[in-house]
Amino acid sequence: MKEIDDLPEFDDDEAISFILKYIPQELNAKITEDDVAYILDVIYDFYESNGLIEEDSTEEASIDEEDMLKFVMKAIKKDKVINLSEEEVQILLNGEFEYGKSIGIYDEE
């Protein structure tokens, strides 16, 4: 079992930079760093509301990608911060997942 101090650290700035490089150019032209930061905040809210973030736990959790997409789309519609399609949001979620994999937070299922 990993020690808590050995856990990878999720860095928002790194994640935003990674995601902006990950997504296709046409989507990149539509969104800003603030938009990606907003999506990351909503993803964090999703994890929190589903009990997937435990500060002192190293247990793996299974994430329902469809539920996450619905959660993010609902937040986007409610907050009216950005205007993205489900497909575009899914690409951003994929970018967040790839960033997490690159630093060892997520494993491929």
N, C-alpha and C. Protein backbone atom coordinates (compact mmCIF):
# COMPACT_ATOMS: atom_id res chain seq x y z
N MET A 1 0.84 -1.18 0.00
CA MET A 1 0.00 0.00 0.00
C MET A 1 0.89 1.25 0.00
N LYS A 2 0.48 2.23 -0.80
CA LYS A 2 1.27 3.45 -0.90
C LYS A 2 1.09 4.31 0.35
N GLU A 3 2.14 4.99 0.70
CA GLU A 3 2.05 5.97 1.78
C GLU A 3 1.36 7.21 1.22
N ILE A 4 0.66 7.92 2.06
CA ILE A 4 -0.04 9.11 1.62
C ILE A 4 0.92 10.12 0.99
N ASP A 5 2.10 10.27 1.57
CA ASP A 5 3.08 11.22 1.04
C ASP A 5 3.59 10.83 -0.34
N ASP A 6 3.44 9.56 -0.70
CA ASP A 6 3.93 9.08 -1.99
C ASP A 6 2.90 9.23 -3.10
N LEU A 7 1.69 9.66 -2.75
CA LEU A 7 0.65 9.78 -3.75
C LEU A 7 0.98 10.89 -4.74
N PRO A 8 0.63 10.68 -6.02
CA PRO A 8 0.88 11.73 -7.01
C PRO A 8 0.06 12.98 -6.69
N GLU A 9 0.60 14.11 -6.98
CA GLU A 9 -0.07 15.39 -6.71
C GLU A 9 -0.71 15.90 -8.01
N PHE A 10 -2.01 16.17 -7.95
CA PHE A 10 -2.72 16.72 -9.10
C PHE A 10 -2.47 18.22 -9.12
N ASP A 11 -1.83 18.70 -10.17
CA ASP A 11 -1.51 20.12 -10.29
C ASP A 11 -2.43 20.73 -11.35
N ASP A 12 -3.30 21.65 -10.92
CA ASP A 12 -4.28 22.24 -11.84
C ASP A 12 -3.62 22.91 -13.04
N ASP A 13 -2.57 23.68 -12.80
CA ASP A 13 -1.91 24.37 -13.91
C ASP A 13 -1.33 23.38 -14.92
N GLU A 14 -0.68 22.34 -14.40
CA GLU A 14 -0.14 21.30 -15.28
C GLU A 14 -1.27 20.61 -16.04
N ALA A 15 -2.35 20.31 -15.33
CA ALA A 15 -3.48 19.63 -15.95
C ALA A 15 -4.08 20.48 -17.07
N ILE A 16 -4.26 21.76 -16.82
CA ILE A 16 -4.82 22.66 -17.84
C ILE A 16 -3.92 22.68 -19.07
N SER A 17 -2.63 22.83 -18.85
CA SER A 17 -1.67 22.85 -19.96
C SER A 17 -1.71 21.53 -20.73
N PHE A 18 -1.73 20.41 -20.00
CA PHE A 18 -1.78 19.08 -20.62
C PHE A 18 -3.05 18.94 -21.47
N ILE A 19 -4.19 19.31 -20.91
CA ILE A 19 -5.48 19.16 -21.61
C ILE A 19 -5.51 20.03 -22.87
N LEU A 20 -5.03 21.27 -22.75
CA LEU A 20 -5.03 22.15 -23.93
C LEU A 20 -4.14 21.60 -25.05
N LYS A 21 -3.08 20.88 -24.69
CA LYS A 21 -2.24 20.24 -25.71
C LYS A 21 -2.88 18.97 -26.25
N TYR A 22 -3.68 18.31 -25.41
CA TYR A 22 -4.30 17.02 -25.75
C TYR A 22 -5.46 17.18 -26.74
N ILE A 23 -6.26 18.21 -26.56
CA ILE A 23 -7.49 18.35 -27.36
C ILE A 23 -7.19 18.80 -28.79
N PRO A 24 -8.11 18.48 -29.72
CA PRO A 24 -7.91 18.90 -31.12
C PRO A 24 -7.86 20.42 -31.26
N GLN A 25 -7.16 20.89 -32.27
CA GLN A 25 -6.95 22.32 -32.49
C GLN A 25 -8.27 23.10 -32.58
N GLU A 26 -9.27 22.53 -33.28
CA GLU A 26 -10.53 23.26 -33.45
C GLU A 26 -11.25 23.48 -32.11
N LEU A 27 -11.11 22.54 -31.19
CA LEU A 27 -11.70 22.72 -29.86
C LEU A 27 -10.84 23.70 -29.05
N ASN A 28 -9.54 23.59 -29.21
CA ASN A 28 -8.62 24.48 -28.52
C ASN A 28 -8.91 25.94 -28.85
N ALA A 29 -9.34 26.20 -30.08
CA ALA A 29 -9.64 27.56 -30.51
C ALA A 29 -10.90 28.11 -29.83
N LYS A 30 -11.76 27.21 -29.33
CA LYS A 30 -13.03 27.61 -28.73
C LYS A 30 -12.97 27.86 -27.23
N ILE A 31 -11.97 27.30 -26.56
CA ILE A 31 -11.96 27.37 -25.09
C ILE A 31 -10.71 28.03 -24.56
N THR A 32 -10.83 28.51 -23.34
CA THR A 32 -9.71 29.19 -22.68
C THR A 32 -9.21 28.34 -21.51
N GLU A 33 -8.11 28.77 -20.92
CA GLU A 33 -7.60 28.12 -19.72
C GLU A 33 -8.66 28.15 -18.62
N ASP A 34 -9.38 29.28 -18.51
CA ASP A 34 -10.44 29.40 -17.50
C ASP A 34 -11.55 28.38 -17.72
N ASP A 35 -11.87 28.12 -18.99
CA ASP A 35 -12.90 27.11 -19.30
C ASP A 35 -12.46 25.73 -18.82
N VAL A 36 -11.20 25.40 -19.08
CA VAL A 36 -10.67 24.10 -18.65
C VAL A 36 -10.64 24.03 -17.12
N ALA A 37 -10.26 25.13 -16.48
CA ALA A 37 -10.24 25.17 -15.01
C ALA A 37 -11.64 24.96 -14.47
N TYR A 38 -12.63 25.55 -15.12
CA TYR A 38 -14.03 25.36 -14.72
C TYR A 38 -14.41 23.87 -14.81
N ILE A 39 -14.06 23.24 -15.92
CA ILE A 39 -14.37 21.81 -16.11
C ILE A 39 -13.69 20.98 -15.02
N LEU A 40 -12.43 21.30 -14.70
CA LEU A 40 -11.72 20.57 -13.64
C LEU A 40 -12.43 20.74 -12.30
N ASP A 41 -12.93 21.95 -12.03
CA ASP A 41 -13.67 22.19 -10.79
C ASP A 41 -14.94 21.34 -10.74
N VAL A 42 -15.63 21.25 -11.87
CA VAL A 42 -16.86 20.45 -11.92
C VAL A 42 -16.54 18.97 -11.74
N ILE A 43 -15.44 18.51 -12.34
CA ILE A 43 -15.01 17.11 -12.17
C ILE A 43 -14.73 16.85 -10.69
N TYR A 44 -14.04 17.78 -10.04
CA TYR A 44 -13.75 17.66 -8.61
C TYR A 44 -15.05 17.59 -7.80
N ASP A 45 -16.01 18.45 -8.17
CA ASP A 45 -17.33 18.42 -7.51
C ASP A 45 -18.00 17.06 -7.69
N PHE A 46 -17.86 16.49 -8.89
CA PHE A 46 -18.43 15.17 -9.16
C PHE A 46 -17.80 14.12 -8.25
N TYR A 47 -16.47 14.14 -8.16
CA TYR A 47 -15.78 13.18 -7.29
C TYR A 47 -16.23 13.33 -5.84
N GLU A 48 -16.31 14.60 -5.39
CA GLU A 48 -16.70 14.86 -4.01
C GLU A 48 -18.14 14.41 -3.72
N SER A 49 -19.04 14.74 -4.63
CA SER A 49 -20.45 14.40 -4.40
C SER A 49 -20.71 12.90 -4.47
N ASN A 50 -19.79 12.17 -5.08
CA ASN A 50 -19.93 10.72 -5.17
C ASN A 50 -19.02 9.98 -4.18
N GLY A 51 -18.43 10.72 -3.25
CA GLY A 51 -17.59 10.11 -2.24
C GLY A 51 -16.32 9.49 -2.79
N LEU A 52 -15.83 10.03 -3.90
CA LEU A 52 -14.65 9.45 -4.54
C LEU A 52 -13.35 10.12 -4.11
N ILE A 53 -13.46 11.16 -3.28
CA ILE A 53 -12.25 11.83 -2.80
C ILE A 53 -12.18 11.64 -1.29
N GLU A 54 -11.23 10.86 -0.90
CA GLU A 54 -10.96 10.67 0.53
C GLU A 54 -9.51 11.09 0.73
N GLU A 55 -9.31 12.14 1.49
CA GLU A 55 -7.96 12.69 1.66
C GLU A 55 -6.94 11.67 2.15
N ASP A 56 -7.36 10.76 3.01
CA ASP A 56 -6.38 9.83 3.60
C ASP A 56 -6.53 8.41 3.09
N SER A 57 -7.12 8.26 1.91
CA SER A 57 -7.34 6.92 1.37
C SER A 57 -6.55 6.73 0.08
N THR A 58 -6.04 5.53 -0.09
CA THR A 58 -5.37 5.19 -1.35
C THR A 58 -6.18 4.14 -2.10
N GLU A 59 -7.40 3.88 -1.62
CA GLU A 59 -8.23 2.89 -2.29
C GLU A 59 -8.62 3.38 -3.66
N GLU A 60 -8.66 2.43 -4.60
CA GLU A 60 -9.07 2.79 -5.94
C GLU A 60 -10.58 2.87 -6.01
N ALA A 61 -11.06 3.81 -6.79
CA ALA A 61 -12.50 3.96 -6.98
C ALA A 61 -12.80 3.78 -8.46
N SER A 62 -13.96 3.25 -8.74
CA SER A 62 -14.39 3.11 -10.11
C SER A 62 -15.25 4.32 -10.45
N ILE A 63 -14.96 4.93 -11.57
CA ILE A 63 -15.67 6.15 -11.97
C ILE A 63 -16.56 5.83 -13.17
N ASP A 64 -17.84 6.14 -13.04
CA ASP A 64 -18.78 5.95 -14.13
C ASP A 64 -18.67 7.16 -15.06
N GLU A 65 -18.06 6.94 -16.23
CA GLU A 65 -17.81 8.04 -17.15
C GLU A 65 -19.09 8.68 -17.66
N GLU A 66 -20.12 7.86 -17.85
CA GLU A 66 -21.40 8.39 -18.32
C GLU A 66 -22.02 9.31 -17.27
N ASP A 67 -21.97 8.88 -16.00
CA ASP A 67 -22.48 9.72 -14.91
C ASP A 67 -21.70 11.03 -14.82
N MET A 68 -20.37 10.93 -14.99
CA MET A 68 -19.55 12.13 -14.92
C MET A 68 -19.92 13.09 -16.05
N LEU A 69 -20.09 12.58 -17.26
CA LEU A 69 -20.45 13.43 -18.39
C LEU A 69 -21.80 14.11 -18.12
N LYS A 70 -22.78 13.37 -17.62
CA LYS A 70 -24.09 13.95 -17.31
C LYS A 70 -23.96 15.03 -16.25
N PHE A 71 -23.17 14.77 -15.23
CA PHE A 71 -22.95 15.73 -14.14
C PHE A 71 -22.34 17.03 -14.69
N VAL A 72 -21.32 16.90 -15.53
CA VAL A 72 -20.65 18.07 -16.09
C VAL A 72 -21.59 18.84 -17.02
N MET A 73 -22.33 18.13 -17.86
CA MET A 73 -23.26 18.80 -18.77
C MET A 73 -24.34 19.56 -17.99
N LYS A 74 -24.82 18.96 -16.92
CA LYS A 74 -25.84 19.61 -16.09
C LYS A 74 -25.28 20.90 -15.48
N ALA A 75 -24.04 20.84 -14.99
CA ALA A 75 -23.39 22.02 -14.40
C ALA A 75 -23.20 23.11 -15.44
N ILE A 76 -22.78 22.72 -16.64
CA ILE A 76 -22.56 23.69 -17.72
C ILE A 76 -23.87 24.40 -18.06
N LYS A 77 -24.94 23.63 -18.18
CA LYS A 77 -26.24 24.22 -18.51
C LYS A 77 -26.72 25.14 -17.39
N LYS A 78 -26.51 24.72 -16.15
CA LYS A 78 -26.96 25.50 -15.00
C LYS A 78 -26.15 26.80 -14.86
N ASP A 79 -24.82 26.68 -14.95
CA ASP A 79 -23.94 27.82 -14.71
C ASP A 79 -23.82 28.75 -15.92
N LYS A 80 -24.11 28.23 -17.11
CA LYS A 80 -24.02 29.01 -18.36
C LYS A 80 -22.66 29.71 -18.50
N VAL A 81 -21.61 29.00 -18.13
CA VAL A 81 -20.26 29.57 -18.19
C VAL A 81 -19.64 29.37 -19.57
N ILE A 82 -19.82 28.17 -20.09
CA ILE A 82 -19.28 27.85 -21.42
C ILE A 82 -20.34 27.12 -22.22
N ASN A 83 -20.20 27.16 -23.54
CA ASN A 83 -21.15 26.50 -24.41
C ASN A 83 -20.41 25.43 -25.21
N LEU A 84 -20.49 24.19 -24.72
CA LEU A 84 -19.81 23.08 -25.38
C LEU A 84 -20.79 21.93 -25.59
N SER A 85 -20.58 21.18 -26.64
CA SER A 85 -21.41 20.00 -26.90
C SER A 85 -20.95 18.85 -26.00
N GLU A 86 -21.78 17.81 -25.90
CA GLU A 86 -21.40 16.63 -25.12
C GLU A 86 -20.10 16.04 -25.65
N GLU A 87 -19.95 16.02 -26.97
CA GLU A 87 -18.74 15.45 -27.58
C GLU A 87 -17.51 16.25 -27.17
N GLU A 88 -17.64 17.58 -27.16
CA GLU A 88 -16.51 18.43 -26.78
C GLU A 88 -16.17 18.26 -25.31
N VAL A 89 -17.19 18.17 -24.47
CA VAL A 89 -16.95 17.94 -23.04
C VAL A 89 -16.28 16.59 -22.83
N GLN A 90 -16.72 15.57 -23.56
CA GLN A 90 -16.12 14.24 -23.44
C GLN A 90 -14.64 14.28 -23.79
N ILE A 91 -14.28 15.07 -24.80
CA ILE A 91 -12.86 15.20 -25.18
C ILE A 91 -12.07 15.82 -24.02
N LEU A 92 -12.66 16.83 -23.35
CA LEU A 92 -11.99 17.44 -22.20
C LEU A 92 -11.86 16.44 -21.05
N LEU A 93 -12.92 15.65 -20.81
CA LEU A 93 -12.85 14.63 -19.77
C LEU A 93 -11.78 13.60 -20.09
N ASN A 94 -11.67 13.24 -21.36
CA ASN A 94 -10.62 12.30 -21.78
C ASN A 94 -9.24 12.90 -21.52
N GLY A 95 -9.11 14.21 -21.78
CA GLY A 95 -7.84 14.88 -21.53
C GLY A 95 -7.48 14.87 -20.05
N GLU A 96 -8.49 15.09 -19.20
CA GLU A 96 -8.25 15.05 -17.75
C GLU A 96 -7.83 13.65 -17.32
N PHE A 97 -8.47 12.64 -17.90
CA PHE A 97 -8.12 11.25 -17.58
C PHE A 97 -6.70 10.93 -18.03
N GLU A 98 -6.34 11.37 -19.23
CA GLU A 98 -4.98 11.12 -19.74
C GLU A 98 -3.93 11.81 -18.87
N TYR A 99 -4.25 13.03 -18.41
CA TYR A 99 -3.33 13.72 -17.50
C TYR A 99 -3.17 12.89 -16.21
N GLY A 100 -4.29 12.47 -15.65
CA GLY A 100 -4.25 11.66 -14.43
C GLY A 100 -3.44 10.40 -14.61
N LYS A 101 -3.60 9.74 -15.77
CA LYS A 101 -2.81 8.53 -16.05
C LYS A 101 -1.32 8.89 -16.13
N SER A 102 -1.01 10.04 -16.74
CA SER A 102 0.39 10.41 -16.96
C SER A 102 1.13 10.66 -15.64
N ILE A 103 0.39 11.02 -14.58
CA ILE A 103 1.04 11.26 -13.28
C ILE A 103 0.78 10.13 -12.28
N GLY A 104 0.07 9.10 -12.74
CA GLY A 104 -0.11 7.93 -11.89
C GLY A 104 -1.32 7.95 -10.98
N ILE A 105 -2.25 8.87 -11.20
CA ILE A 105 -3.46 8.91 -10.38
C ILE A 105 -4.46 7.85 -10.86
N TYR A 106 -4.57 7.70 -12.17
CA TYR A 106 -5.53 6.73 -12.73
C TYR A 106 -4.81 5.57 -13.36
N ASP A 107 -5.50 4.42 -13.34
CA ASP A 107 -5.04 3.24 -14.08
C ASP A 107 -6.06 2.98 -15.16
N GLU A 108 -5.59 2.40 -16.25
CA GLU A 108 -6.49 2.00 -17.33
C GLU A 108 -7.34 0.86 -16.83
N GLU A 109 -8.63 0.91 -17.12
CA GLU A 109 -9.50 -0.19 -16.66
C GLU A 109 -9.81 -1.11 -17.80
